[in-house]
Amino acid sequence: MRVPASRLVCWGCGAVPDVQEAYPFRCPEVGVGDVDHVLVRVLDTDRVRFPDGPAGTGSPFVHYRGLLHSHHRATAAGLGDDELAELVTRLDDAVARVAGAGFRATPFGRDVALSERLGFSAAGGVWVKDETGNVAGSHKGRHLMGVLLHLEVAERLGLADPTDRPDLAIASCGNAALAAAVVARAADRRLRVFVPVDADPVVLAGLRELGAEVVPCARTPQTDGDPAYLRLQAELAAGALPFTCQGNENGLVIEGGETLGYEIASDLRAAGTDLDDLVVQVGGGALASACIQALDEAAQFGVLARQPRVHTVQTTGGHPLERAYHRVRDALGDTSGRSEIDDALHTAAAHRSGFMWPWEGEPRSIATGILDDETYDWRAVVGGMLTTGGRPLVVTEEQLAQAHDLGRAAGYRVDPTGSSGLAGLLDLVADGSVGPDARVGVLFTGVERSPAGSMDPSGPSDAGAR
């Protein structure tokens, strides 16, 4: 077996999973000490090639397969690239049979109406990555398709028994659950979904239609944190596999989401430009973590001249990431070099409870999908902001409503969670942090769904993007 072109390592403690582990999703030392145990995929950029050309219109999991750990693991064990491309295509076709369409590169470009509305010049502008037409109406399916590829490769390599598959489990109130249910149904895998008791009935109907087992979870005064997430942790301890978008529970969920960032990089290269800023809404943090890692790798490959400044958006109803950022920032003092930032982050990861803990009280907002009690991928996101010069933004309900109205007026069928990155851009424009010549990217990540059609990405929205 050759050495794969990527490796897994725990950011918090440095542990490495066994190469024969079928499901290397969590750090082998998880639960030991007050450590933020999160597996990260480290790519050897000298041994792989970033695909040429724009993102195109085909499957990102075919186009960017050579960057994925599942591909490196499989080819190192002797599977051929053609066999892996066939595997991805077969799974994508199965997704299309369930959802009506498979994974395709989503639109990204300068939006004239929004650029003019926000006062940008012809040289600058608002660049929108529109995920509302993606599988199940959001970006979440990308993350979970990446995990499915690992599950399928484990069976191809003889590391897992296809006749005795563990159940999959996820905690979510909306888009992530629907995406997980689509992908699990396409692969004929059992899925258990833990949801809050007030989850949108449209979402619940869609989940049951897709064959998922739905488990409502109520908050209690005796426990802190999201009750659905707490139930998920108990399910994982009992042997289920984390088919979820919390990176601390499944580190490999990040790289599926990286395909979004890779598409942005490919399209920017084709347009001969770069972004100055990227504004990303944050709930659990997997989306921001994936974008940061993908754009960092794209810069290493030379696809981008530089990484954009990455800013994050949370609401006044709950902003645990902003709290953690300032704790790390305060620990840095006047230093801001990459090595000093890495040292501060390592210290923070070794003392997690001093930087990230559940938000006090139940968070509330119209942007329900970014109300996670904790930012599970906080370390990677804080690091991305510090190294690129971005910052955390906390927006009001009025800004969220304004951004939603602007997005809808510009022709996007986006929900208040999905347009919340635009609310952050409104904040940056208002305080002068971005000027009229800046090129700023925002992500529209969740479709509005109709009460009659939860799986119809042309209709209005579920309860959020978590």
Protein backbone atom coordinates (compact mmCIF):
# COMPACT_ATOMS: atom_id res chain seq x y z
CA MET A 1 0.00 0.00 0.00
CA ARG A 2 1.37 3.38 -1.02
CA VAL A 3 1.35 6.37 1.31
CA PRO A 4 -1.82 8.41 0.60
CA ALA A 5 -1.47 12.00 -0.61
CA SER A 6 -3.44 13.19 2.42
CA ARG A 7 -3.46 12.26 6.07
CA LEU A 8 -5.69 12.63 9.11
CA VAL A 9 -4.54 14.09 12.40
CA CYS A 10 -6.29 15.44 15.49
CA TRP A 11 -5.75 19.16 15.78
CA GLY A 12 -6.16 19.10 19.55
CA CYS A 13 -3.89 16.24 20.61
CA GLY A 14 -1.99 15.13 17.51
CA ALA A 15 -3.41 11.57 17.52
CA VAL A 16 -3.64 9.74 14.19
CA PRO A 17 -6.29 7.10 13.44
CA ASP A 18 -5.21 3.59 12.45
CA VAL A 19 -4.81 3.28 8.67
CA GLN A 20 -7.03 0.18 8.76
CA GLU A 21 -9.83 1.95 10.64
CA ALA A 22 -12.95 1.66 8.49
CA TYR A 23 -14.56 4.80 9.84
CA PRO A 24 -11.81 7.31 10.77
CA PHE A 25 -14.26 10.06 11.61
CA ARG A 26 -13.36 10.95 15.20
CA CYS A 27 -10.08 11.30 17.07
CA PRO A 28 -9.13 8.00 18.77
CA GLU A 29 -8.55 9.99 21.98
CA VAL A 30 -11.94 11.73 21.92
CA GLY A 31 -13.21 12.42 25.43
CA VAL A 32 -9.74 12.55 26.99
CA GLY A 33 -9.09 15.80 28.87
CA ASP A 34 -10.43 19.28 28.16
CA VAL A 35 -9.17 19.03 24.57
CA ASP A 36 -10.89 20.01 21.34
CA HIS A 37 -10.47 16.64 19.61
CA VAL A 38 -11.14 17.27 15.91
CA LEU A 39 -9.70 15.25 13.05
CA VAL A 40 -8.49 17.36 10.13
CA ARG A 41 -7.45 16.26 6.67
CA VAL A 42 -4.00 17.54 5.69
CA LEU A 43 -3.41 17.59 1.94
CA ASP A 44 0.05 17.12 0.41
CA THR A 45 -0.28 19.79 -2.28
CA ASP A 46 3.02 18.71 -3.87
CA ARG A 47 1.55 15.33 -4.80
CA VAL A 48 -1.84 16.30 -6.21
CA ARG A 49 -3.04 18.62 -8.94
CA PHE A 50 -5.84 21.15 -8.86
CA PRO A 51 -8.08 20.59 -11.91
CA ASP A 52 -7.75 22.97 -14.83
CA GLY A 53 -10.50 25.25 -16.09
CA PRO A 54 -13.65 26.63 -14.47
CA ALA A 55 -15.88 24.58 -12.20
CA GLY A 56 -18.13 23.81 -15.18
CA THR A 57 -21.53 22.21 -14.82
CA GLY A 58 -20.69 18.61 -13.92
CA SER A 59 -20.41 16.85 -10.57
CA PRO A 60 -17.89 18.49 -8.23
CA PHE A 61 -17.20 15.06 -6.75
CA VAL A 62 -15.96 13.87 -10.12
CA HIS A 63 -14.17 17.10 -11.04
CA TYR A 64 -12.35 17.49 -7.69
CA ARG A 65 -12.07 13.80 -6.74
CA GLY A 66 -8.28 13.93 -6.86
CA LEU A 67 -8.29 16.31 -3.87
CA LEU A 68 -10.40 14.11 -1.59
CA HIS A 69 -9.04 11.85 1.16
CA SER A 70 -11.39 9.03 0.13
CA HIS A 71 -9.72 9.06 -3.31
CA HIS A 72 -6.20 9.08 -1.87
CA ARG A 73 -7.03 6.28 0.53
CA ALA A 74 -8.48 4.17 -2.28
CA THR A 75 -5.74 4.76 -4.86
CA ALA A 76 -3.02 4.11 -2.26
CA ALA A 77 -4.63 0.69 -1.72
CA GLY A 78 -4.63 -0.06 -5.44
CA LEU A 79 -8.03 1.08 -6.74
CA GLY A 80 -7.89 2.84 -10.08
CA ASP A 81 -9.00 6.40 -10.80
CA ASP A 82 -11.51 5.19 -13.41
CA GLU A 83 -13.09 2.84 -10.86
CA LEU A 84 -13.43 5.69 -8.38
CA ALA A 85 -14.92 8.00 -11.00
CA GLU A 86 -17.47 5.27 -11.78
CA LEU A 87 -18.27 4.93 -8.07
CA VAL A 88 -18.90 8.67 -7.72
CA THR A 89 -21.03 8.75 -10.86
CA ARG A 90 -23.12 5.77 -9.70
CA LEU A 91 -23.78 7.39 -6.32
CA ASP A 92 -24.58 10.73 -7.93
CA ASP A 93 -27.06 9.03 -10.25
CA ALA A 94 -28.69 7.42 -7.21
CA VAL A 95 -28.98 10.84 -5.54
CA ALA A 96 -30.60 12.18 -8.71
CA ARG A 97 -33.20 9.40 -8.64
CA VAL A 98 -34.15 10.40 -5.08
CA ALA A 99 -33.90 14.20 -5.29
CA GLY A 100 -34.61 14.86 -8.96
CA ALA A 101 -31.06 16.07 -9.65
CA GLY A 102 -27.55 15.10 -8.61
CA PHE A 103 -24.65 17.26 -7.49
CA ARG A 104 -23.58 19.92 -9.96
CA ALA A 105 -21.39 23.01 -9.74
CA THR A 106 -23.56 25.89 -8.58
CA PRO A 107 -23.60 29.45 -10.00
CA PHE A 108 -21.01 31.97 -8.82
CA GLY A 109 -20.53 35.46 -10.17
CA ARG A 110 -20.91 39.19 -9.70
CA ASP A 111 -24.50 40.20 -9.04
CA VAL A 112 -25.19 43.50 -10.77
CA ALA A 113 -28.36 44.36 -8.84
CA LEU A 114 -26.91 43.73 -5.39
CA SER A 115 -23.64 45.48 -6.31
CA GLU A 116 -25.49 48.61 -7.39
CA ARG A 117 -27.89 48.48 -4.44
CA LEU A 118 -24.99 48.39 -1.96
CA GLY A 119 -23.04 51.16 -3.71
CA PHE A 120 -20.16 49.20 -5.23
CA SER A 121 -18.24 50.50 -8.23
CA ALA A 122 -17.83 48.66 -11.52
CA ALA A 123 -14.41 47.50 -10.32
CA GLY A 124 -15.84 45.98 -7.13
CA GLY A 125 -19.08 44.26 -6.32
CA VAL A 126 -20.97 41.48 -4.62
CA TRP A 127 -20.14 37.98 -5.85
CA VAL A 128 -22.83 35.43 -5.00
CA LYS A 129 -22.38 31.67 -4.69
CA ASP A 130 -25.94 30.37 -5.05
CA GLU A 131 -26.48 26.99 -3.37
CA THR A 132 -30.27 27.19 -3.28
CA GLY A 133 -30.58 24.89 -6.29
CA ASN A 134 -28.25 22.25 -4.89
CA VAL A 135 -29.35 18.77 -3.78
CA ALA A 136 -32.13 19.16 -1.16
CA GLY A 137 -31.94 22.94 -1.52
CA SER A 138 -28.70 23.77 0.33
CA HIS A 139 -24.97 23.21 0.55
CA LYS A 140 -25.35 20.55 3.24
CA GLY A 141 -25.52 17.64 0.82
CA ARG A 142 -21.95 18.38 -0.27
CA HIS A 143 -20.66 17.65 3.22
CA LEU A 144 -22.59 14.39 3.48
CA MET A 145 -21.80 13.16 -0.02
CA GLY A 146 -18.14 13.45 0.96
CA VAL A 147 -18.78 11.25 4.00
CA LEU A 148 -20.72 8.74 1.89
CA LEU A 149 -17.71 8.36 -0.39
CA HIS A 150 -15.62 7.34 2.63
CA LEU A 151 -18.23 4.77 3.64
CA GLU A 152 -18.33 3.31 0.15
CA VAL A 153 -14.55 3.23 -0.20
CA ALA A 154 -14.25 1.42 3.15
CA GLU A 155 -16.45 -1.34 1.74
CA ARG A 156 -14.54 -1.46 -1.56
CA LEU A 157 -11.31 -1.92 0.40
CA GLY A 158 -12.77 -4.71 2.55
CA LEU A 159 -12.51 -2.65 5.73
CA ALA A 160 -16.30 -2.65 6.32
CA ASP A 161 -18.95 -5.30 5.77
CA PRO A 162 -21.67 -4.13 3.33
CA THR A 163 -24.10 -6.68 4.81
CA ASP A 164 -23.76 -5.33 8.36
CA ARG A 165 -23.86 -1.56 8.11
CA PRO A 166 -24.15 0.53 11.30
CA ASP A 167 -26.97 3.07 11.43
CA LEU A 168 -26.19 6.65 10.45
CA ALA A 169 -27.17 9.50 12.79
CA ILE A 170 -27.48 13.27 12.58
CA ALA A 171 -28.68 16.16 14.74
CA SER A 172 -30.34 18.92 12.74
CA CYS A 173 -33.44 21.10 12.48
CA GLY A 174 -33.58 21.52 8.72
CA ASN A 175 -31.36 21.55 5.66
CA ALA A 176 -28.68 19.20 6.97
CA ALA A 177 -31.29 16.62 7.96
CA LEU A 178 -32.99 16.72 4.57
CA ALA A 179 -29.66 16.46 2.76
CA ALA A 180 -28.60 13.55 4.96
CA ALA A 181 -31.91 11.79 4.31
CA VAL A 182 -31.54 12.18 0.53
CA VAL A 183 -27.97 10.89 0.47
CA ALA A 184 -28.68 8.04 2.89
CA ARG A 185 -31.75 6.99 0.90
CA ALA A 186 -29.72 7.04 -2.33
CA ALA A 187 -27.16 4.70 -0.76
CA ASP A 188 -29.79 2.49 0.91
CA ARG A 189 -28.52 3.25 4.41
CA ARG A 190 -30.55 3.62 7.60
CA LEU A 191 -30.64 7.11 9.09
CA ARG A 192 -31.81 8.36 12.48
CA VAL A 193 -32.43 12.12 12.75
CA PHE A 194 -32.54 13.96 16.10
CA VAL A 195 -34.54 17.18 15.86
CA PRO A 196 -35.85 19.85 18.26
CA VAL A 197 -39.50 19.53 19.28
CA ASP A 198 -40.36 22.70 17.35
CA ALA A 199 -38.79 21.56 14.07
CA ASP A 200 -40.65 22.68 10.97
CA PRO A 201 -43.46 20.23 10.11
CA VAL A 202 -42.52 20.59 6.42
CA VAL A 203 -39.03 19.30 7.21
CA LEU A 204 -40.37 16.47 9.34
CA ALA A 205 -42.73 15.36 6.57
CA GLY A 206 -39.88 15.37 4.08
CA LEU A 207 -37.67 13.33 6.38
CA ARG A 208 -40.32 10.67 6.92
CA GLU A 209 -41.08 10.57 3.21
CA LEU A 210 -37.41 9.77 2.63
CA GLY A 211 -37.51 6.92 5.13
CA ALA A 212 -35.53 8.52 7.95
CA GLU A 213 -36.38 7.75 11.58
CA VAL A 214 -37.20 11.07 13.27
CA VAL A 215 -36.56 11.51 17.01
CA PRO A 216 -37.83 14.79 18.59
CA CYS A 217 -35.68 16.06 21.48
CA ALA A 218 -36.91 18.49 24.14
CA ARG A 219 -34.79 20.94 26.11
CA THR A 220 -34.65 20.42 29.85
CA PRO A 221 -33.56 22.77 32.65
CA GLN A 222 -31.04 20.17 33.83
CA THR A 223 -28.86 20.23 30.68
CA ASP A 224 -26.98 22.89 28.74
CA GLY A 225 -26.77 22.85 24.98
CA ASP A 226 -28.76 21.62 22.02
CA PRO A 227 -30.85 18.60 23.10
CA ALA A 228 -30.74 17.08 19.62
CA TYR A 229 -26.95 17.25 19.61
CA LEU A 230 -26.77 15.70 23.07
CA ARG A 231 -28.95 12.81 21.87
CA LEU A 232 -26.69 12.44 18.83
CA GLN A 233 -23.67 12.04 21.08
CA ALA A 234 -25.43 9.27 23.02
CA GLU A 235 -26.33 7.54 19.74
CA LEU A 236 -22.72 7.67 18.55
CA ALA A 237 -21.55 6.22 21.85
CA ALA A 238 -23.95 3.32 21.22
CA GLY A 239 -22.36 2.54 17.85
CA ALA A 240 -24.04 4.71 15.21
CA LEU A 241 -21.89 6.50 12.63
CA PRO A 242 -21.82 10.33 12.57
CA PHE A 243 -23.56 11.34 9.33
CA THR A 244 -23.64 14.88 10.56
CA CYS A 245 -22.25 18.32 9.79
CA GLN A 246 -20.49 18.82 13.13
CA GLY A 247 -16.80 18.51 12.29
CA ASN A 248 -15.82 17.46 15.80
CA GLU A 249 -18.04 14.39 15.41
CA ASN A 250 -16.90 13.66 11.86
CA GLY A 251 -13.77 15.44 10.69
CA LEU A 252 -14.22 14.17 7.14
CA VAL A 253 -17.50 16.04 6.73
CA ILE A 254 -15.44 19.16 6.02
CA GLU A 255 -13.83 18.13 2.75
CA GLY A 256 -17.14 17.42 0.98
CA GLY A 257 -18.02 21.02 1.72
CA GLU A 258 -14.66 22.10 0.33
CA THR A 259 -15.97 21.42 -3.16
CA LEU A 260 -17.92 24.68 -2.76
CA GLY A 261 -14.70 26.58 -2.09
CA TYR A 262 -12.90 24.78 -4.91
CA GLU A 263 -15.63 25.89 -7.32
CA ILE A 264 -15.22 29.49 -6.17
CA ALA A 265 -11.46 29.26 -6.74
CA SER A 266 -11.88 27.69 -10.19
CA ASP A 267 -14.36 30.33 -11.32
CA LEU A 268 -12.25 33.20 -9.98
CA ARG A 269 -9.23 31.86 -11.87
CA ALA A 270 -11.32 31.62 -15.05
CA ALA A 271 -12.47 35.22 -14.54
CA GLY A 272 -8.91 36.40 -13.90
CA THR A 273 -9.70 37.96 -10.54
CA ASP A 274 -9.64 37.39 -6.78
CA LEU A 275 -11.96 38.21 -3.90
CA ASP A 276 -10.94 40.76 -1.30
CA ASP A 277 -13.44 39.52 1.30
CA LEU A 278 -15.69 36.52 1.88
CA VAL A 279 -18.60 36.72 4.35
CA VAL A 280 -19.84 33.37 5.68
CA GLN A 281 -22.74 32.67 8.04
CA VAL A 282 -21.88 30.34 10.92
CA GLY A 283 -23.93 27.91 12.96
CA GLY A 284 -21.90 24.80 13.73
CA GLY A 285 -19.04 26.12 11.59
CA ALA A 286 -18.60 23.35 9.00
CA LEU A 287 -19.35 25.64 6.04
CA ALA A 288 -16.90 28.33 7.10
CA SER A 289 -14.28 25.74 8.00
CA ALA A 290 -14.65 24.11 4.56
CA CYS A 291 -14.40 27.43 2.71
CA ILE A 292 -11.34 28.52 4.68
CA GLN A 293 -9.52 25.25 4.07
CA ALA A 294 -10.45 25.07 0.38
CA LEU A 295 -9.37 28.63 -0.39
CA ASP A 296 -6.16 28.18 1.59
CA GLU A 297 -5.35 25.10 -0.48
CA ALA A 298 -6.27 26.93 -3.69
CA ALA A 299 -3.77 29.66 -2.77
CA GLN A 300 -1.12 27.00 -2.11
CA PHE A 301 -1.79 25.54 -5.57
CA GLY A 302 -1.44 29.00 -7.10
CA VAL A 303 -5.04 29.00 -8.31
CA LEU A 304 -5.65 32.14 -6.24
CA ALA A 305 -3.11 34.89 -5.74
CA ARG A 306 -4.23 35.19 -2.14
CA GLN A 307 -6.91 34.13 0.28
CA PRO A 308 -9.70 36.65 0.84
CA ARG A 309 -10.32 38.08 4.27
CA VAL A 310 -12.88 35.77 5.86
CA HIS A 311 -15.59 37.33 8.03
CA THR A 312 -18.21 35.32 9.85
CA VAL A 313 -21.81 36.11 10.74
CA GLN A 314 -23.82 35.17 13.82
CA THR A 315 -26.87 36.80 15.36
CA THR A 316 -27.50 38.79 18.51
CA GLY A 317 -29.60 35.80 19.58
CA GLY A 318 -26.49 33.64 19.97
CA HIS A 319 -22.84 34.20 19.02
CA PRO A 320 -20.50 31.70 20.69
CA LEU A 321 -17.94 31.97 17.85
CA GLU A 322 -17.54 35.72 18.34
CA ARG A 323 -16.92 35.09 22.05
CA ALA A 324 -14.26 32.46 21.31
CA TYR A 325 -12.57 34.67 18.70
CA HIS A 326 -12.08 37.51 21.15
CA ARG A 327 -10.69 35.16 23.80
CA VAL A 328 -8.06 33.92 21.36
CA ARG A 329 -7.44 37.45 20.07
CA ASP A 330 -6.91 38.70 23.62
CA ALA A 331 -4.45 35.86 24.28
CA LEU A 332 -2.43 36.92 21.22
CA GLY A 333 -2.01 40.50 22.43
CA ASP A 334 -0.14 42.60 19.89
CA THR A 335 1.30 39.64 17.96
CA SER A 336 -0.31 38.46 14.72
CA GLY A 337 2.20 36.21 12.92
CA ARG A 338 1.15 32.79 11.61
CA SER A 339 3.28 30.89 14.13
CA GLU A 340 1.96 32.96 17.05
CA ILE A 341 -1.62 32.39 15.85
CA ASP A 342 -1.01 28.64 15.58
CA ASP A 343 0.47 28.57 19.08
CA ALA A 344 -2.50 30.47 20.52
CA LEU A 345 -4.93 28.13 18.77
CA HIS A 346 -3.13 25.04 20.04
CA THR A 347 -3.35 26.42 23.56
CA ALA A 348 -7.05 27.16 23.10
CA ALA A 349 -7.69 23.67 21.68
CA ALA A 350 -6.03 22.14 24.74
CA HIS A 351 -8.37 24.11 27.04
CA ARG A 352 -11.62 24.00 25.07
CA SER A 353 -14.01 24.87 27.89
CA GLY A 354 -12.28 28.21 28.36
CA PHE A 355 -13.07 29.23 24.79
CA MET A 356 -16.14 27.36 23.55
CA TRP A 357 -19.15 26.33 25.61
CA PRO A 358 -22.94 26.24 25.00
CA TRP A 359 -24.68 29.58 24.65
CA GLU A 360 -26.53 30.51 27.80
CA GLY A 361 -30.26 30.24 27.25
CA GLU A 362 -32.05 29.19 24.07
CA PRO A 363 -30.84 31.18 21.03
CA ARG A 364 -33.58 32.74 18.90
CA SER A 365 -33.58 34.43 15.50
CA ILE A 366 -35.33 34.40 12.12
CA ALA A 367 -32.05 32.85 10.89
CA THR A 368 -32.80 29.63 12.76
CA GLY A 369 -30.16 27.61 10.95
CA ILE A 370 -27.24 29.48 12.54
CA LEU A 371 -28.49 29.15 16.11
CA ASP A 372 -26.27 26.23 17.14
CA ASP A 373 -25.56 26.45 20.86
CA GLU A 374 -21.88 25.85 20.09
CA THR A 375 -19.69 26.45 17.06
CA TYR A 376 -18.32 22.94 16.76
CA ASP A 377 -15.64 23.84 14.19
CA TRP A 378 -14.69 27.01 16.07
CA ARG A 379 -10.93 26.48 16.12
CA ALA A 380 -10.59 26.28 12.32
CA VAL A 381 -12.89 29.24 11.80
CA VAL A 382 -11.20 31.45 14.39
CA GLY A 383 -7.86 30.53 12.83
CA GLY A 384 -9.13 31.44 9.37
CA MET A 385 -10.29 34.86 10.51
CA LEU A 386 -7.05 35.60 12.35
CA THR A 387 -4.75 34.52 9.51
CA THR A 388 -6.67 36.32 6.76
CA GLY A 389 -7.46 39.48 8.71
CA GLY A 390 -11.21 38.94 8.88
CA ARG A 391 -13.41 39.30 11.93
CA PRO A 392 -16.65 37.99 13.47
CA LEU A 393 -19.81 39.98 12.84
CA VAL A 394 -22.92 39.90 15.04
CA VAL A 395 -25.99 41.11 13.17
CA THR A 396 -29.41 42.23 14.34
CA GLU A 397 -32.80 40.86 13.38
CA GLU A 398 -33.39 44.03 11.37
CA GLN A 399 -30.23 43.44 9.33
CA LEU A 400 -31.21 39.81 8.75
CA ALA A 401 -34.65 40.86 7.51
CA GLN A 402 -33.17 43.54 5.25
CA ALA A 403 -30.69 41.06 3.75
CA HIS A 404 -33.45 38.55 3.14
CA ASP A 405 -35.56 41.16 1.36
CA LEU A 406 -32.58 42.22 -0.77
CA GLY A 407 -31.79 38.65 -1.74
CA ARG A 408 -35.38 37.93 -2.69
CA ALA A 409 -35.62 41.21 -4.65
CA ALA A 410 -32.48 40.22 -6.57
CA GLY A 411 -34.23 37.04 -7.70
CA TYR A 412 -32.90 34.43 -5.27
CA ARG A 413 -35.27 31.96 -3.57
CA VAL A 414 -33.22 32.16 -0.39
CA ASP A 415 -34.37 31.82 3.23
CA PRO A 416 -33.34 34.12 6.12
CA THR A 417 -30.58 31.72 7.20
CA GLY A 418 -29.27 31.37 3.68
CA SER A 419 -29.07 35.15 3.17
CA SER A 420 -27.54 35.94 6.56
CA GLY A 421 -24.06 36.33 5.07
CA LEU A 422 -25.43 39.28 3.14
CA ALA A 423 -26.54 40.77 6.47
CA GLY A 424 -22.89 40.68 7.51
CA LEU A 425 -21.89 42.46 4.32
CA LEU A 426 -24.44 45.19 5.08
CA ASP A 427 -22.66 45.64 8.40
CA LEU A 428 -19.24 45.87 6.72
CA VAL A 429 -20.51 48.42 4.20
CA ALA A 430 -22.17 50.50 6.90
CA ASP A 431 -19.03 50.83 9.02
CA GLY A 432 -16.73 51.42 6.04
CA SER A 433 -14.75 48.19 6.42
CA VAL A 434 -15.21 47.47 2.71
CA GLY A 435 -15.05 50.20 0.11
CA PRO A 436 -16.83 50.55 -3.23
CA ASP A 437 -13.96 48.92 -5.17
CA ALA A 438 -13.86 45.78 -3.01
CA ARG A 439 -14.85 42.40 -4.46
CA VAL A 440 -16.83 40.60 -1.76
CA GLY A 441 -18.21 37.07 -1.84
CA VAL A 442 -21.38 35.94 -0.07
CA LEU A 443 -23.01 32.52 0.05
CA PHE A 444 -26.74 31.97 -0.40
CA THR A 445 -27.04 28.58 1.22
CA GLY A 446 -30.67 27.63 1.89
CA VAL A 447 -33.76 27.68 -0.32
CA GLU A 448 -37.16 28.87 0.80
CA ARG A 449 -39.57 25.95 0.71
CA SER A 450 -43.29 25.72 0.22
CA PRO A 451 -45.44 24.05 2.87
CA ALA A 452 -46.56 21.60 0.21
CA GLY A 453 -43.12 20.66 -1.10
CA SER A 454 -40.21 20.31 1.27
CA MET A 455 -38.05 18.64 -1.38
CA ASP A 456 -38.79 21.26 -4.05
CA PRO A 457 -35.84 23.66 -4.24
CA SER A 458 -38.01 26.14 -6.09
CA GLY A 459 -40.32 26.62 -3.15
CA PRO A 460 -39.97 28.34 0.27
CA SER A 461 -37.88 27.44 3.20
CA ASP A 462 -37.46 25.07 6.06
CA ALA A 463 -36.40 26.08 9.51
CA GLY A 464 -32.77 26.67 8.70
CA ALA A 465 -29.43 25.48 7.42
CA ARG A 466 -28.17 23.49 10.38
